[in-house]
């Protein structure tokens, strides 16, 4: 059992920055991947950035490469999403997720490893 909890969302102007935090309660021993996903109204949930729970590798959606950075805290149960140069199209509900199995994180970002454990989400709004 794990429970991710997100924080750090808010409203920002285009070009601004935000940092999201996810703290995961529970046992991560058998979990391979943690990451961030987003879903705007009327759209499918999509992967944004994921990281191995070991911290070895990261994967990003093409739309955020060079602008967003996922990282892991000193405590392995915390991950961050630093979002720079935000655009209006980044407006969405952002969810933290933890994989339930041992599949590769390259598949996890595409939700190919089955449904993960989700947080409740935090809203990010980018507008002038």
Protein backbone atom coordinates (compact mmCIF):
# COMPACT_ATOMS: atom_id res chain seq x y z
CA UNK A 1 0.00 0.00 0.00
CA UNK A 2 1.22 3.52 -0.87
CA UNK A 3 -0.44 6.93 -0.89
CA UNK A 4 1.04 9.84 -2.85
CA UNK A 5 0.19 13.38 -1.73
CA UNK A 6 0.87 16.35 -4.00
CA UNK A 7 1.46 19.99 -3.13
CA UNK A 8 2.75 23.15 -4.78
CA UNK A 9 0.25 23.89 -7.51
CA UNK A 10 -1.09 27.35 -8.19
CA UNK A 11 -1.53 30.10 -10.75
CA UNK A 12 1.33 31.67 -12.66
CA UNK A 13 1.84 33.86 -15.70
CA UNK A 14 3.33 32.47 -18.92
CA UNK A 15 7.09 32.15 -18.58
CA UNK A 16 6.84 31.65 -14.84
CA UNK A 17 7.91 28.72 -12.68
CA UNK A 18 6.39 26.39 -10.14
CA UNK A 19 7.69 23.43 -8.16
CA UNK A 20 5.44 20.51 -7.31
CA UNK A 21 6.17 18.14 -4.45
CA UNK A 22 4.93 14.59 -3.95
CA UNK A 23 5.40 12.76 -0.68
CA UNK A 24 4.56 9.08 -0.71
CA UNK A 25 3.43 7.19 2.38
CA UNK A 26 3.79 3.43 2.53
CA UNK A 27 6.25 0.80 1.37
CA UNK A 28 8.06 1.48 -1.89
CA UNK A 29 10.14 -1.69 -1.74
CA UNK A 30 8.52 -3.43 -4.72
CA UNK A 31 7.69 -0.28 -6.68
CA UNK A 32 9.85 0.61 -9.70
CA UNK A 33 8.69 4.05 -10.78
CA UNK A 34 7.31 7.33 -9.50
CA UNK A 35 6.22 10.22 -11.59
CA UNK A 36 3.98 13.03 -12.67
CA UNK A 37 1.00 12.93 -14.97
CA UNK A 38 -1.50 15.58 -15.96
CA UNK A 39 -5.03 15.77 -17.22
CA UNK A 40 -6.89 18.77 -18.59
CA UNK A 41 -10.70 18.79 -18.91
CA UNK A 42 -11.76 16.73 -21.90
CA UNK A 43 -8.30 15.25 -22.38
CA UNK A 44 -6.75 11.90 -21.55
CA UNK A 45 -4.33 11.66 -18.65
CA UNK A 46 -0.79 11.88 -19.98
CA UNK A 47 2.64 11.22 -18.59
CA UNK A 48 4.82 14.26 -17.93
CA UNK A 49 7.96 12.98 -16.19
CA UNK A 50 8.90 9.80 -14.35
CA UNK A 51 11.86 8.54 -12.36
CA UNK A 52 13.01 5.16 -11.10
CA UNK A 53 12.53 4.86 -7.34
CA UNK A 54 16.26 4.14 -7.27
CA UNK A 55 16.81 7.55 -8.88
CA UNK A 56 18.78 6.00 -11.76
CA UNK A 57 16.96 7.32 -14.80
CA UNK A 58 14.28 9.78 -15.83
CA UNK A 59 11.88 10.05 -18.75
CA UNK A 60 10.01 13.08 -20.05
CA UNK A 61 7.18 13.84 -22.42
CA UNK A 62 8.44 15.65 -25.52
CA UNK A 63 6.25 18.64 -24.71
CA UNK A 64 8.11 19.38 -21.47
CA UNK A 65 11.70 18.43 -22.29
CA UNK A 66 14.09 21.25 -21.49
CA UNK A 67 11.51 23.02 -19.31
CA UNK A 68 10.56 20.51 -16.60
CA UNK A 69 12.86 18.57 -14.30
CA UNK A 70 11.90 15.64 -12.10
CA UNK A 71 14.09 14.89 -9.11
CA UNK A 72 14.10 12.81 -5.97
CA UNK A 73 14.65 14.11 -2.48
CA UNK A 74 17.20 12.80 -0.01
CA UNK A 75 14.29 10.79 1.34
CA UNK A 76 13.47 8.39 -1.47
CA UNK A 77 9.73 8.77 -0.89
CA UNK A 78 9.70 12.39 -2.09
CA UNK A 79 9.85 13.58 -5.67
CA UNK A 80 9.71 17.04 -7.17
CA UNK A 81 8.71 18.53 -10.49
CA UNK A 82 10.42 21.81 -11.27
CA UNK A 83 8.47 23.54 -14.04
CA UNK A 84 10.08 26.48 -15.81
CA UNK A 85 8.98 28.60 -18.75
CA UNK A 86 5.40 27.56 -18.20
CA UNK A 87 2.97 27.89 -21.07
CA UNK A 88 -0.83 28.19 -21.11
CA UNK A 89 -1.01 24.66 -22.54
CA UNK A 90 0.60 23.37 -19.33
CA UNK A 91 -2.61 24.26 -17.50
CA UNK A 92 -3.91 21.04 -16.03
CA UNK A 93 -4.47 18.97 -12.93
CA UNK A 94 -1.16 17.34 -12.05
CA UNK A 95 -1.10 13.93 -10.42
CA UNK A 96 1.67 12.07 -8.67
CA UNK A 97 1.72 8.32 -9.28
CA UNK A 98 3.60 5.24 -8.11
CA UNK A 99 3.79 2.09 -10.20
CA UNK A 100 2.35 -1.07 -8.72
CA UNK A 101 4.78 -3.46 -10.32
CA UNK A 102 8.31 -3.82 -11.61
CA UNK A 103 7.88 -2.82 -15.23
CA UNK A 104 10.19 -0.32 -16.95
CA UNK A 105 9.60 3.37 -16.38
CA UNK A 106 9.71 3.99 -20.12
CA UNK A 107 6.42 2.12 -20.21
CA UNK A 108 5.13 3.63 -16.99
CA UNK A 109 5.13 7.15 -18.46
CA UNK A 110 2.79 5.79 -21.18
CA UNK A 111 0.68 3.95 -18.60
CA UNK A 112 1.61 0.63 -20.17
CA UNK A 113 2.40 -1.04 -16.85
CA UNK A 114 -1.13 -1.10 -15.55
CA UNK A 115 -2.85 1.43 -13.33
CA UNK A 116 -0.60 2.99 -10.70
CA UNK A 117 -1.50 4.37 -7.29
CA UNK A 118 -2.62 7.96 -7.77
CA UNK A 119 -2.56 11.05 -5.61
CA UNK A 120 -5.49 13.45 -5.46
CA UNK A 121 -3.89 15.98 -7.79
CA UNK A 122 -2.88 19.62 -7.64
CA UNK A 123 -4.06 22.29 -10.07
CA UNK A 124 -1.62 24.28 -12.18
CA UNK A 125 -3.00 27.26 -14.10
CA UNK A 126 -0.90 29.30 -16.51
CA UNK A 127 -2.53 32.47 -17.80
CA UNK A 128 -1.92 36.15 -18.19
